[in-house]
C-alpha atoms as a PDB file:
ATOM      1  CA  UNK A   1       6.787   5.364  -3.570  1.00  0.00           C
ATOM      2  CA  UNK A   2       8.696   4.547  -6.502  1.00  0.00           C
ATOM      3  CA  UNK A   3       8.281   6.999  -9.723  1.00  0.00           C
ATOM      4  CA  UNK A   4       9.739   5.668 -12.838  1.00  0.00           C
ATOM      5  CA  UNK A   5      10.161   7.952 -16.498  1.00  0.00           C
ATOM      6  CA  UNK A   6      10.446   6.992 -19.582  1.00  0.00           C
ATOM      7  CA  UNK A   7      11.133   9.496 -22.342  1.00  0.00           C
ATOM      8  CA  UNK A   8       9.765   9.335 -26.034  1.00  0.00           C
ATOM      9  CA  UNK A   9      11.960   6.503 -27.452  1.00  0.00           C
ATOM     10  CA  UNK A  10      12.121   4.576 -30.798  1.00  0.00           C
ATOM     11  CA  UNK A  11      10.551   0.706 -30.240  1.00  0.00           C
ATOM     12  CA  UNK A  12      12.824  -0.957 -33.110  1.00  0.00           C
ATOM     13  CA  UNK A  13      14.727  -0.004 -36.228  1.00  0.00           C
ATOM     14  CA  UNK A  14      13.790   1.790 -39.235  1.00  0.00           C
ATOM     15  CA  UNK A  15      11.491   3.834 -37.469  1.00  0.00           C
ATOM     16  CA  UNK A  16       9.179   6.039 -38.753  1.00  0.00           C
ATOM     17  CA  UNK A  17       7.271   8.775 -36.544  1.00  0.00           C
ATOM     18  CA  UNK A  18       4.258   7.003 -35.795  1.00  0.00           C
ATOM     19  CA  UNK A  19       6.983   4.210 -34.375  1.00  0.00           C
ATOM     20  CA  UNK A  20       8.133   6.703 -31.186  1.00  0.00           C
ATOM     21  CA  UNK A  21       6.215   6.060 -28.123  1.00  0.00           C
ATOM     22  CA  UNK A  22       5.189   9.011 -26.255  1.00  0.00           C
ATOM     23  CA  UNK A  23       7.003  10.121 -22.831  1.00  0.00           C
ATOM     24  CA  UNK A  24       5.298   8.854 -19.774  1.00  0.00           C
ATOM     25  CA  UNK A  25       5.851   8.002 -15.771  1.00  0.00           C
ATOM     26  CA  UNK A  26       4.496   5.285 -13.685  1.00  0.00           C
ATOM     27  CA  UNK A  27       3.857   5.321  -9.635  1.00  0.00           C
ATOM     28  CA  UNK A  28       4.146   2.580  -7.258  1.00  0.00           C
ATOM     29  CA  UNK A  29       3.652   2.600  -3.698  1.00  0.00           C
ATOM     30  CA  UNK A  30       3.920  -0.171  -1.450  1.00  0.00           C
ATOM     31  CA  UNK A  31       3.599  -0.471   2.750  1.00  0.00           C
ATOM     32  CA  UNK A  32       3.960  -3.250   5.363  1.00  0.00           C
ATOM     33  CA  UNK A  33       2.648  -3.432   9.134  1.00  0.00           C
ATOM     34  CA  UNK A  34       3.793  -5.348  11.168  1.00  0.00           C
ATOM     35  CA  UNK A  35       0.441  -6.857  13.474  1.00  0.00           C
ATOM     36  CA  UNK A  36       2.561  -9.023  16.097  1.00  0.00           C
ATOM     37  CA  UNK A  37       6.005 -10.408  16.239  1.00  0.00           C
ATOM     38  CA  UNK A  38       4.757 -13.076  14.099  1.00  0.00           C
ATOM     39  CA  UNK A  39       2.745 -11.148  11.662  1.00  0.00           C
ATOM     40  CA  UNK A  40       3.211  -9.096   8.991  1.00  0.00           C
ATOM     41  CA  UNK A  41       1.209  -7.696   6.365  1.00  0.00           C
ATOM     42  CA  UNK A  42       1.939  -5.907   3.214  1.00  0.00           C
ATOM     43  CA  UNK A  43       0.684  -3.968   0.119  1.00  0.00           C
ATOM     44  CA  UNK A  44       1.762  -3.382  -3.261  1.00  0.00           C
ATOM     45  CA  UNK A  45       0.076  -1.097  -6.087  1.00  0.00           C
ATOM     46  CA  UNK A  46       1.516  -0.787  -9.212  1.00  0.00           C
ATOM     47  CA  UNK A  47       0.524   1.982 -11.645  1.00  0.00           C
ATOM     48  CA  UNK A  48      -1.281   3.551  -9.260  1.00  0.00           C
ATOM     49  CA  UNK A  49      -3.184   6.077 -11.713  1.00  0.00           C
ATOM     50  CA  UNK A  50      -4.179   3.127 -13.907  1.00  0.00           C
ATOM     51  CA  UNK A  51      -2.181   5.346 -16.615  1.00  0.00           C
ATOM     52  CA  UNK A  52      -2.717   3.744 -19.872  1.00  0.00           C
ATOM     53  CA  UNK A  53       0.138   4.196 -22.592  1.00  0.00           C
ATOM     54  CA  UNK A  54       1.724   2.970 -25.378  1.00  0.00           C
ATOM     55  CA  UNK A  55       5.013   1.079 -24.657  1.00  0.00           C
ATOM     56  CA  UNK A  56       5.881  -0.454 -28.090  1.00  0.00           C
ATOM     57  CA  UNK A  57       4.435   0.683 -31.334  1.00  0.00           C
ATOM     58  CA  UNK A  58       5.242  -0.529 -34.638  1.00  0.00           C
ATOM     59  CA  UNK A  59       3.389   0.326 -38.050  1.00  0.00           C
ATOM     60  CA  UNK A  60       2.613  -2.733 -40.355  1.00  0.00           C
ATOM     61  CA  UNK A  61       3.210  -1.202 -43.402  1.00  0.00           C
ATOM     62  CA  UNK A  62       6.429   0.748 -44.369  1.00  0.00           C
ATOM     63  CA  UNK A  63       4.543   2.976 -46.925  1.00  0.00           C
ATOM     64  CA  UNK A  64       4.201   6.408 -46.816  1.00  0.00           C
ATOM     65  CA  UNK A  65       0.067   5.753 -46.448  1.00  0.00           C
ATOM     66  CA  UNK A  66       0.267   3.949 -43.139  1.00  0.00           C
ATOM     67  CA  UNK A  67      -2.917   4.599 -41.047  1.00  0.00           C
ATOM     68  CA  UNK A  68      -3.334   4.217 -37.646  1.00  0.00           C
ATOM     69  CA  UNK A  69      -5.260   1.159 -38.008  1.00  0.00           C
ATOM     70  CA  UNK A  70      -2.156  -0.865 -39.156  1.00  0.00           C
ATOM     71  CA  UNK A  71      -0.193  -0.508 -36.283  1.00  0.00           C
ATOM     72  CA  UNK A  72       1.005  -3.120 -33.581  1.00  0.00           C
ATOM     73  CA  UNK A  73       0.419  -1.374 -30.157  1.00  0.00           C
ATOM     74  CA  UNK A  74       1.508  -2.455 -26.892  1.00  0.00           C
ATOM     75  CA  UNK A  75      -0.155  -0.770 -23.425  1.00  0.00           C
ATOM     76  CA  UNK A  76       1.680  -0.683 -19.933  1.00  0.00           C
ATOM     77  CA  UNK A  77      -0.189  -3.146 -17.655  1.00  0.00           C
ATOM     78  CA  UNK A  78      -2.720  -1.611 -15.928  1.00  0.00           C
ATOM     79  CA  UNK A  79      -3.293  -0.496 -12.037  1.00  0.00           C
ATOM     80  CA  UNK A  80      -2.556  -4.077 -10.195  1.00  0.00           C
ATOM     81  CA  UNK A  81      -2.767  -4.465  -5.945  1.00  0.00           C
ATOM     82  CA  UNK A  82      -0.852  -7.143  -4.249  1.00  0.00           C
ATOM     83  CA  UNK A  83      -1.212  -8.595  -0.706  1.00  0.00           C
ATOM     84  CA  UNK A  84       1.465 -10.074   0.868  1.00  0.00           C
ATOM     85  CA  UNK A  85       1.090 -11.840   4.460  1.00  0.00           C
ATOM     86  CA  UNK A  86       4.341 -13.298   5.888  1.00  0.00           C
ATOM     87  CA  UNK A  87       3.900 -15.443   8.809  1.00  0.00           C
ATOM     88  CA  UNK A  88       6.821 -17.023  11.338  1.00  0.00           C
ATOM     89  CA  UNK A  89       6.527 -20.225  12.747  1.00  0.00           C
ATOM     90  CA  UNK A  90       8.344 -20.578  15.635  1.00  0.00           C
END
């Protein structure tokens, strides 16, 4: 298991208050089991709690009357689950 924590940060220069992303953390889990001498099975789960948070924010307008409808926002990828099978041919 690993955890990544990101504090609030500015996403670019000339930043306004609405251009700062909030602090967030991400939990990832992985495990592996050896089923035989030649077969291993691994599973990986990224963003375990399926957290939806902004990773980039930028207001389109630079005036004081900016509204939420005028923002570009990128979000953290949702939960992903991957399986890996390793088989060794002798």
